[in-house]
Amino acid sequence: MALTYQAIATTTVGSGGASNIEFTSIPQTYTDLLIKYSLRDNVTSGGASNNATVSINGSTANGTSRELYGNGASAASASLSNVKVDYHSSANATASTFGNAEIYFPNYTGSNNKSSSSDGVSETNGTTALMAMNANLWSQTAAITSIGLSAAGGNFVQYSTATLYGIKNTV
């Protein structure tokens, strides 16, 4: 069985920046969803990387995540109280670099709690970069009809891009 990917929507942030990227009215005709993004935010506090908080059907409630992350020299894990995608580049990263990630939602129309997995890396064009993998659970049985990505305390900058794909199993 082969998988077919179809781009449903793409958002590219304009010159004013944006605090979130939202995919709404998601068709219920696919088996799975995938979001791929290239993001940078304007947050100056902290390091060269940030994470994106995921809202599902307009809410960040009822989500949990288990994360494994590292920087090339060490690794660690954490439990989080919402659905996350880590990492993307912040204002402290090398100029004009963007972090890349994807988040995969299998069986998004089903009547069970929704799991997802994500992996991402921040690009700093330096000697280290942060990479993370997350196993997420949204403890709701409703079909997913909208997904949002929010910047951590700031805005996504111009040219940040995210694409939502629908995936179907084919024979």
N, C-alpha and C. Protein backbone atom coordinates (compact mmCIF):
# COMPACT_ATOMS: atom_id res chain seq x y z
N MET A 1 0.84 -1.16 0.00
CA MET A 1 0.00 0.00 0.00
C MET A 1 0.90 1.24 0.00
N ALA A 2 0.62 2.17 -0.88
CA ALA A 2 1.40 3.40 -0.99
C ALA A 2 0.66 4.55 -0.32
N LEU A 3 1.41 5.52 0.10
CA LEU A 3 0.82 6.74 0.66
C LEU A 3 0.88 7.84 -0.38
N THR A 4 -0.18 8.62 -0.47
CA THR A 4 -0.16 9.79 -1.34
C THR A 4 -0.30 11.03 -0.48
N TYR A 5 0.53 12.01 -0.77
CA TYR A 5 0.53 13.27 -0.04
C TYR A 5 -0.07 14.34 -0.93
N GLN A 6 -0.96 15.16 -0.36
CA GLN A 6 -1.51 16.27 -1.10
C GLN A 6 -1.43 17.52 -0.23
N ALA A 7 -0.81 18.56 -0.77
CA ALA A 7 -0.75 19.83 -0.04
C ALA A 7 -2.15 20.40 0.05
N ILE A 8 -2.59 20.66 1.28
CA ILE A 8 -3.92 21.24 1.51
C ILE A 8 -3.81 22.76 1.58
N ALA A 9 -2.80 23.25 2.31
CA ALA A 9 -2.64 24.70 2.47
C ALA A 9 -1.20 25.02 2.85
N THR A 10 -0.73 26.18 2.40
CA THR A 10 0.58 26.69 2.77
C THR A 10 0.41 28.12 3.26
N THR A 11 1.10 28.45 4.34
CA THR A 11 1.11 29.81 4.86
C THR A 11 2.54 30.31 4.91
N THR A 12 2.76 31.50 4.36
CA THR A 12 4.05 32.18 4.45
C THR A 12 3.82 33.51 5.15
N VAL A 13 4.57 33.74 6.22
CA VAL A 13 4.41 34.95 7.03
C VAL A 13 4.92 36.16 6.27
N GLY A 14 4.14 37.22 6.31
CA GLY A 14 4.50 38.45 5.62
C GLY A 14 5.39 39.36 6.45
N SER A 15 5.62 40.56 5.94
CA SER A 15 6.59 41.49 6.53
C SER A 15 6.26 41.93 7.95
N GLY A 16 5.01 41.88 8.37
CA GLY A 16 4.66 42.30 9.72
C GLY A 16 4.84 41.24 10.78
N GLY A 17 5.18 40.00 10.36
CA GLY A 17 5.27 38.91 11.32
C GLY A 17 3.90 38.39 11.69
N ALA A 18 3.85 37.30 12.45
CA ALA A 18 2.57 36.71 12.88
C ALA A 18 2.80 35.93 14.16
N SER A 19 1.89 36.06 15.11
CA SER A 19 2.02 35.33 16.37
C SER A 19 1.65 33.86 16.23
N ASN A 20 0.88 33.54 15.18
CA ASN A 20 0.54 32.14 14.96
C ASN A 20 0.28 31.88 13.48
N ILE A 21 0.30 30.60 13.16
CA ILE A 21 -0.06 30.11 11.84
C ILE A 21 -1.20 29.13 12.07
N GLU A 22 -2.29 29.32 11.36
CA GLU A 22 -3.50 28.54 11.61
C GLU A 22 -3.98 27.86 10.34
N PHE A 23 -4.27 26.56 10.46
CA PHE A 23 -4.91 25.81 9.38
C PHE A 23 -6.32 25.47 9.86
N THR A 24 -7.32 26.00 9.19
CA THR A 24 -8.71 25.80 9.60
C THR A 24 -9.48 25.04 8.52
N SER A 25 -10.67 24.60 8.88
CA SER A 25 -11.55 23.87 7.94
C SER A 25 -10.81 22.73 7.25
N ILE A 26 -10.09 21.95 8.04
CA ILE A 26 -9.33 20.83 7.49
C ILE A 26 -10.30 19.78 6.97
N PRO A 27 -10.16 19.38 5.70
CA PRO A 27 -11.06 18.36 5.15
C PRO A 27 -10.92 17.05 5.93
N GLN A 28 -12.01 16.32 6.01
CA GLN A 28 -12.03 15.06 6.74
C GLN A 28 -11.92 13.87 5.79
N THR A 29 -11.24 14.05 4.67
CA THR A 29 -11.20 13.04 3.62
C THR A 29 -9.87 12.29 3.53
N TYR A 30 -8.95 12.55 4.43
CA TYR A 30 -7.64 11.89 4.42
C TYR A 30 -7.55 10.94 5.61
N THR A 31 -6.53 10.10 5.62
CA THR A 31 -6.33 9.21 6.77
C THR A 31 -5.44 9.88 7.82
N ASP A 32 -4.44 10.65 7.36
CA ASP A 32 -3.48 11.27 8.26
C ASP A 32 -3.19 12.69 7.81
N LEU A 33 -2.56 13.47 8.71
CA LEU A 33 -2.13 14.83 8.40
C LEU A 33 -0.64 14.97 8.71
N LEU A 34 0.01 15.87 7.98
CA LEU A 34 1.41 16.17 8.20
C LEU A 34 1.61 17.67 8.00
N ILE A 35 2.28 18.31 8.96
CA ILE A 35 2.67 19.70 8.80
C ILE A 35 4.19 19.75 8.74
N LYS A 36 4.72 20.39 7.72
CA LYS A 36 6.16 20.65 7.61
C LYS A 36 6.34 22.15 7.68
N TYR A 37 7.35 22.57 8.46
CA TYR A 37 7.55 24.01 8.56
C TYR A 37 9.01 24.40 8.57
N SER A 38 9.23 25.67 8.23
CA SER A 38 10.52 26.34 8.33
C SER A 38 10.22 27.66 9.04
N LEU A 39 10.64 27.80 10.32
CA LEU A 39 10.23 28.93 11.14
C LEU A 39 11.42 29.62 11.80
N ARG A 40 11.21 30.88 12.07
CA ARG A 40 12.10 31.69 12.89
C ARG A 40 11.21 32.67 13.63
N ASP A 41 11.53 32.94 14.91
CA ASP A 41 10.76 33.94 15.64
C ASP A 41 11.64 35.10 16.06
N ASN A 42 11.00 36.13 16.62
CA ASN A 42 11.73 37.35 17.00
C ASN A 42 12.02 37.42 18.49
N VAL A 43 11.95 36.31 19.20
CA VAL A 43 12.17 36.27 20.65
C VAL A 43 13.67 36.40 20.93
N THR A 44 14.03 37.35 21.81
CA THR A 44 15.44 37.58 22.12
C THR A 44 15.85 36.99 23.47
N SER A 45 14.89 36.63 24.31
CA SER A 45 15.25 36.01 25.60
C SER A 45 15.57 34.54 25.37
N GLY A 46 16.50 34.02 26.15
CA GLY A 46 16.86 32.61 26.02
C GLY A 46 17.92 32.39 24.97
N GLY A 47 17.94 31.18 24.44
CA GLY A 47 18.97 30.79 23.50
C GLY A 47 18.60 31.06 22.06
N ALA A 48 19.21 30.28 21.18
CA ALA A 48 19.02 30.46 19.74
C ALA A 48 17.87 29.64 19.19
N SER A 49 17.14 28.93 20.08
CA SER A 49 16.04 28.06 19.65
C SER A 49 14.81 28.28 20.50
N ASN A 50 13.66 28.03 19.92
CA ASN A 50 12.38 28.04 20.63
C ASN A 50 11.54 26.89 20.13
N ASN A 51 10.38 26.71 20.77
CA ASN A 51 9.45 25.69 20.32
C ASN A 51 8.15 26.34 19.92
N ALA A 52 7.36 25.60 19.19
CA ALA A 52 6.04 26.05 18.78
C ALA A 52 5.00 25.26 19.56
N THR A 53 4.06 25.96 20.17
CA THR A 53 2.95 25.31 20.83
C THR A 53 1.87 25.03 19.80
N VAL A 54 1.30 23.83 19.87
CA VAL A 54 0.29 23.41 18.91
C VAL A 54 -1.09 23.53 19.55
N SER A 55 -2.01 24.20 18.86
CA SER A 55 -3.40 24.19 19.29
C SER A 55 -4.18 23.31 18.33
N ILE A 56 -5.09 22.54 18.89
CA ILE A 56 -5.92 21.64 18.09
C ILE A 56 -7.36 22.03 18.32
N ASN A 57 -8.07 22.25 17.24
CA ASN A 57 -9.46 22.71 17.30
C ASN A 57 -9.59 23.94 18.19
N GLY A 58 -8.60 24.83 18.12
CA GLY A 58 -8.63 26.10 18.83
C GLY A 58 -8.21 26.06 20.28
N SER A 59 -7.70 24.92 20.76
CA SER A 59 -7.37 24.80 22.18
C SER A 59 -5.99 24.16 22.38
N THR A 60 -5.30 24.61 23.42
CA THR A 60 -4.05 23.97 23.82
C THR A 60 -4.27 23.05 25.04
N ALA A 61 -5.51 22.93 25.50
CA ALA A 61 -5.83 22.10 26.66
C ALA A 61 -5.80 20.61 26.28
N ASN A 62 -5.69 19.77 27.27
CA ASN A 62 -5.77 18.31 27.14
C ASN A 62 -4.63 17.70 26.34
N GLY A 63 -3.50 18.40 26.28
CA GLY A 63 -2.36 17.87 25.55
C GLY A 63 -1.21 17.54 26.48
N THR A 64 -0.45 16.53 26.13
CA THR A 64 0.79 16.19 26.83
C THR A 64 1.84 15.80 25.80
N SER A 65 3.08 15.86 26.22
CA SER A 65 4.16 15.53 25.31
C SER A 65 5.33 14.96 26.10
N ARG A 66 5.99 14.00 25.51
CA ARG A 66 7.25 13.48 26.04
C ARG A 66 8.31 13.79 25.00
N GLU A 67 9.38 14.44 25.44
CA GLU A 67 10.36 14.98 24.52
C GLU A 67 11.75 14.40 24.80
N LEU A 68 12.47 14.11 23.74
CA LEU A 68 13.87 13.75 23.80
C LEU A 68 14.62 14.79 22.98
N TYR A 69 15.63 15.43 23.58
CA TYR A 69 16.31 16.51 22.88
C TYR A 69 17.81 16.46 23.16
N GLY A 70 18.56 17.07 22.24
CA GLY A 70 19.99 17.10 22.40
C GLY A 70 20.61 18.20 21.57
N ASN A 71 21.91 18.45 21.84
CA ASN A 71 22.61 19.53 21.15
C ASN A 71 23.91 19.05 20.50
N GLY A 72 24.11 17.79 20.36
CA GLY A 72 25.35 17.25 19.80
C GLY A 72 26.38 16.90 20.85
N ALA A 73 26.25 17.47 22.04
CA ALA A 73 27.18 17.18 23.13
C ALA A 73 26.50 16.45 24.27
N SER A 74 25.18 16.66 24.44
CA SER A 74 24.44 16.00 25.51
C SER A 74 23.00 15.82 25.08
N ALA A 75 22.31 14.95 25.81
CA ALA A 75 20.90 14.69 25.52
C ALA A 75 20.12 14.62 26.83
N ALA A 76 18.84 14.89 26.77
CA ALA A 76 17.98 14.83 27.95
C ALA A 76 16.55 14.57 27.49
N SER A 77 15.65 14.42 28.45
CA SER A 77 14.24 14.25 28.13
C SER A 77 13.41 15.07 29.09
N ALA A 78 12.16 15.31 28.71
CA ALA A 78 11.27 16.11 29.54
C ALA A 78 9.83 15.70 29.26
N SER A 79 8.98 15.93 30.24
CA SER A 79 7.53 15.79 30.07
C SER A 79 6.93 17.18 30.02
N LEU A 80 6.03 17.41 29.07
CA LEU A 80 5.44 18.73 28.86
C LEU A 80 3.93 18.64 29.00
N SER A 81 3.31 19.76 29.35
CA SER A 81 1.88 19.77 29.62
C SER A 81 1.03 20.20 28.42
N ASN A 82 1.62 20.25 27.23
CA ASN A 82 0.83 20.52 26.03
C ASN A 82 1.55 19.92 24.83
N VAL A 83 0.88 19.95 23.69
CA VAL A 83 1.45 19.40 22.47
C VAL A 83 2.47 20.40 21.93
N LYS A 84 3.69 19.95 21.70
CA LYS A 84 4.78 20.83 21.26
C LYS A 84 5.43 20.28 20.00
N VAL A 85 6.05 21.18 19.26
CA VAL A 85 6.97 20.83 18.20
C VAL A 85 8.24 21.61 18.49
N ASP A 86 9.34 20.93 18.64
CA ASP A 86 10.62 21.58 18.91
C ASP A 86 11.55 21.27 17.76
N TYR A 87 12.36 22.04 17.33
CA TYR A 87 12.71 23.42 17.64
C TYR A 87 12.60 24.25 16.37
N HIS A 88 12.68 25.57 16.54
CA HIS A 88 12.90 26.47 15.42
C HIS A 88 13.83 27.58 15.89
N SER A 89 14.39 28.32 14.95
CA SER A 89 15.39 29.33 15.28
C SER A 89 14.74 30.59 15.86
N SER A 90 15.46 31.23 16.80
CA SER A 90 14.98 32.47 17.41
C SER A 90 15.83 33.63 16.93
N ALA A 91 15.53 34.80 17.45
CA ALA A 91 16.28 36.01 17.07
C ALA A 91 17.75 35.92 17.45
N ASN A 92 18.10 35.04 18.40
CA ASN A 92 19.50 34.89 18.81
C ASN A 92 20.30 33.97 17.91
N ALA A 93 19.65 33.31 16.96
CA ALA A 93 20.36 32.44 16.02
C ALA A 93 21.04 33.30 14.96
N THR A 94 21.94 32.70 14.21
CA THR A 94 22.59 33.41 13.11
C THR A 94 21.53 34.02 12.20
N ALA A 95 21.77 35.24 11.76
CA ALA A 95 20.80 35.97 10.93
C ALA A 95 20.36 35.13 9.73
N SER A 96 19.07 35.23 9.43
CA SER A 96 18.47 34.60 8.24
C SER A 96 18.49 33.08 8.25
N THR A 97 18.66 32.45 9.41
CA THR A 97 18.55 31.00 9.49
C THR A 97 17.18 30.64 10.06
N PHE A 98 16.64 29.53 9.59
CA PHE A 98 15.31 29.07 9.99
C PHE A 98 15.42 27.63 10.46
N GLY A 99 14.67 27.28 11.51
CA GLY A 99 14.61 25.90 11.97
C GLY A 99 13.54 25.15 11.20
N ASN A 100 13.69 23.84 11.09
CA ASN A 100 12.76 23.01 10.32
C ASN A 100 12.22 21.88 11.19
N ALA A 101 10.95 21.56 10.96
CA ALA A 101 10.33 20.47 11.73
C ALA A 101 9.13 19.93 10.97
N GLU A 102 8.63 18.83 11.49
CA GLU A 102 7.37 18.29 11.00
C GLU A 102 6.62 17.64 12.16
N ILE A 103 5.30 17.64 12.04
CA ILE A 103 4.45 16.97 13.01
C ILE A 103 3.43 16.13 12.24
N TYR A 104 3.32 14.87 12.65
CA TYR A 104 2.49 13.88 11.95
C TYR A 104 1.32 13.47 12.84
N PHE A 105 0.10 13.55 12.30
CA PHE A 105 -1.12 13.17 13.01
C PHE A 105 -1.77 11.99 12.31
N PRO A 106 -1.58 10.75 12.80
CA PRO A 106 -2.28 9.62 12.19
C PRO A 106 -3.74 9.58 12.63
N ASN A 107 -4.60 9.06 11.78
CA ASN A 107 -6.00 8.81 12.14
C ASN A 107 -6.67 10.03 12.79
N TYR A 108 -6.52 11.19 12.18
CA TYR A 108 -7.02 12.44 12.76
C TYR A 108 -8.54 12.56 12.77
N THR A 109 -9.25 11.71 12.03
CA THR A 109 -10.72 11.76 12.02
C THR A 109 -11.33 10.71 12.94
N GLY A 110 -10.52 9.84 13.52
CA GLY A 110 -11.02 8.75 14.35
C GLY A 110 -11.66 9.25 15.65
N SER A 111 -12.30 8.33 16.35
CA SER A 111 -13.02 8.68 17.58
C SER A 111 -12.22 8.37 18.84
N ASN A 112 -10.92 8.12 18.71
CA ASN A 112 -10.05 7.90 19.87
C ASN A 112 -9.23 9.16 20.15
N ASN A 113 -8.52 9.18 21.30
CA ASN A 113 -7.59 10.26 21.57
C ASN A 113 -6.59 10.35 20.42
N LYS A 114 -6.08 11.54 20.16
CA LYS A 114 -5.22 11.75 18.98
C LYS A 114 -3.75 11.82 19.39
N SER A 115 -2.96 10.93 18.82
CA SER A 115 -1.52 10.97 19.03
C SER A 115 -0.87 11.70 17.87
N SER A 116 0.33 12.18 18.10
CA SER A 116 1.12 12.77 17.03
C SER A 116 2.59 12.61 17.39
N SER A 117 3.43 12.70 16.40
CA SER A 117 4.87 12.67 16.63
C SER A 117 5.49 13.83 15.86
N SER A 118 6.57 14.35 16.40
CA SER A 118 7.22 15.48 15.74
C SER A 118 8.72 15.39 15.91
N ASP A 119 9.42 15.99 14.97
CA ASP A 119 10.85 16.16 15.13
C ASP A 119 11.25 17.47 14.48
N GLY A 120 12.24 18.11 15.08
CA GLY A 120 12.66 19.40 14.56
C GLY A 120 14.08 19.73 14.96
N VAL A 121 14.65 20.68 14.24
CA VAL A 121 16.02 21.12 14.51
C VAL A 121 16.12 22.62 14.28
N SER A 122 16.82 23.29 15.16
CA SER A 122 17.09 24.71 14.96
C SER A 122 18.40 24.85 14.22
N GLU A 123 18.47 25.80 13.35
CA GLU A 123 19.68 26.05 12.58
C GLU A 123 20.30 27.33 13.08
N THR A 124 21.55 27.25 13.51
CA THR A 124 22.25 28.45 13.96
C THR A 124 23.51 28.73 13.15
N ASN A 125 23.81 27.84 12.20
CA ASN A 125 25.01 27.99 11.39
C ASN A 125 26.25 28.12 12.28
N GLY A 126 26.22 27.38 13.39
CA GLY A 126 27.32 27.41 14.35
C GLY A 126 27.79 26.00 14.65
N THR A 127 28.47 25.86 15.76
CA THR A 127 29.03 24.56 16.11
C THR A 127 28.00 23.61 16.73
N THR A 128 26.91 24.13 17.26
CA THR A 128 25.88 23.26 17.82
C THR A 128 24.51 23.68 17.31
N ALA A 129 23.61 22.77 17.33
CA ALA A 129 22.20 23.03 17.02
C ALA A 129 21.38 22.15 17.94
N LEU A 130 20.17 22.53 18.19
CA LEU A 130 19.29 21.72 19.02
C LEU A 130 18.37 20.89 18.15
N MET A 131 18.15 19.65 18.55
CA MET A 131 17.25 18.74 17.85
C MET A 131 16.35 18.11 18.88
N ALA A 132 15.09 17.91 18.54
CA ALA A 132 14.16 17.26 19.47
C ALA A 132 13.19 16.37 18.73
N MET A 133 12.76 15.33 19.43
CA MET A 133 11.68 14.47 18.96
C MET A 133 10.64 14.43 20.07
N ASN A 134 9.37 14.54 19.68
CA ASN A 134 8.30 14.56 20.65
C ASN A 134 7.26 13.49 20.32
N ALA A 135 6.76 12.83 21.36
CA ALA A 135 5.59 11.97 21.26
C ALA A 135 4.48 12.71 21.98
N ASN A 136 3.43 13.06 21.25
CA ASN A 136 2.36 13.91 21.78
C ASN A 136 1.05 13.14 21.89
N LEU A 137 0.21 13.57 22.83
CA LEU A 137 -1.13 13.02 22.94
C LEU A 137 -2.10 14.15 23.23
N TRP A 138 -3.13 14.24 22.40
CA TRP A 138 -4.23 15.17 22.63
C TRP A 138 -5.39 14.31 23.11
N SER A 139 -5.75 14.44 24.37
CA SER A 139 -6.76 13.58 25.00
C SER A 139 -8.17 14.07 24.71
N GLN A 140 -8.54 14.00 23.46
CA GLN A 140 -9.87 14.35 22.99
C GLN A 140 -10.24 13.39 21.86
N THR A 141 -11.52 13.06 21.77
CA THR A 141 -11.96 12.10 20.76
C THR A 141 -12.55 12.77 19.51
N ALA A 142 -12.66 14.08 19.51
CA ALA A 142 -13.21 14.79 18.35
C ALA A 142 -12.24 14.72 17.18
N ALA A 143 -12.78 14.72 15.98
CA ALA A 143 -11.93 14.80 14.78
C ALA A 143 -11.20 16.14 14.78
N ILE A 144 -9.99 16.14 14.24
CA ILE A 144 -9.22 17.38 14.15
C ILE A 144 -9.70 18.18 12.94
N THR A 145 -10.16 19.41 13.20
CA THR A 145 -10.65 20.28 12.12
C THR A 145 -9.80 21.53 11.95
N SER A 146 -8.95 21.84 12.94
CA SER A 146 -8.03 22.97 12.80
C SER A 146 -6.78 22.71 13.64
N ILE A 147 -5.65 23.22 13.15
CA ILE A 147 -4.37 23.10 13.85
C ILE A 147 -3.67 24.45 13.75
N GLY A 148 -3.17 24.93 14.90
CA GLY A 148 -2.43 26.18 14.93
C GLY A 148 -1.05 25.99 15.52
N LEU A 149 -0.11 26.79 15.06
CA LEU A 149 1.25 26.84 15.62
C LEU A 149 1.45 28.23 16.18
N SER A 150 1.86 28.34 17.44
CA SER A 150 2.07 29.64 18.09
C SER A 150 3.52 29.82 18.46
N ALA A 151 4.01 31.03 18.24
CA ALA A 151 5.38 31.38 18.63
C ALA A 151 5.44 31.52 20.15
N ALA A 152 6.56 31.17 20.74
CA ALA A 152 6.74 31.20 22.19
C ALA A 152 7.03 32.62 22.67
N GLY A 153 6.00 33.40 22.91
CA GLY A 153 6.18 34.73 23.47
C GLY A 153 6.59 35.80 22.47
N GLY A 154 6.41 35.56 21.21
CA GLY A 154 6.77 36.54 20.19
C GLY A 154 6.03 36.29 18.91
N ASN A 155 6.65 36.65 17.80
CA ASN A 155 6.06 36.47 16.48
C ASN A 155 6.98 35.65 15.59
N PHE A 156 6.38 34.89 14.70
CA PHE A 156 7.14 34.29 13.62
C PHE A 156 7.50 35.43 12.66
N VAL A 157 8.70 35.39 12.12
CA VAL A 157 9.17 36.48 11.27
C VAL A 157 8.84 36.21 9.81
N GLN A 158 9.03 37.26 9.00
CA GLN A 158 8.78 37.17 7.57
C GLN A 158 9.53 35.99 6.95
N TYR A 159 8.88 35.32 6.04
CA TYR A 159 9.36 34.16 5.30
C TYR A 159 9.25 32.85 6.07
N SER A 160 8.79 32.88 7.31
CA SER A 160 8.46 31.62 7.98
C SER A 160 7.33 30.97 7.19
N THR A 161 7.43 29.65 7.00
CA THR A 161 6.48 28.95 6.13
C THR A 161 6.05 27.65 6.77
N ALA A 162 4.77 27.31 6.62
CA ALA A 162 4.25 26.01 7.06
C ALA A 162 3.29 25.49 6.00
N THR A 163 3.37 24.18 5.75
CA THR A 163 2.48 23.53 4.79
C THR A 163 1.80 22.36 5.45
N LEU A 164 0.48 22.27 5.28
CA LEU A 164 -0.33 21.16 5.77
C LEU A 164 -0.57 20.20 4.61
N TYR A 165 -0.27 18.92 4.84
CA TYR A 165 -0.50 17.88 3.85
C TYR A 165 -1.56 16.92 4.36
N GLY A 166 -2.42 16.46 3.46
CA GLY A 166 -3.32 15.35 3.72
C GLY A 166 -2.68 14.10 3.16
N ILE A 167 -2.81 12.98 3.87
CA ILE A 167 -2.21 11.72 3.43
C ILE A 167 -3.31 10.67 3.31
N LYS A 168 -3.30 9.97 2.19
CA LYS A 168 -4.25 8.87 1.96
C LYS A 168 -3.49 7.59 1.69
N ASN A 169 -4.04 6.49 2.17
CA ASN A 169 -3.53 5.19 1.79
C ASN A 169 -4.13 4.82 0.46
N THR A 170 -3.33 4.31 -0.45
CA THR A 170 -3.83 3.87 -1.74
C THR A 170 -3.42 2.42 -1.98
N VAL A 171 -4.13 1.75 -2.80
CA VAL A 171 -3.85 0.35 -3.09
C VAL A 171 -2.99 0.24 -4.32
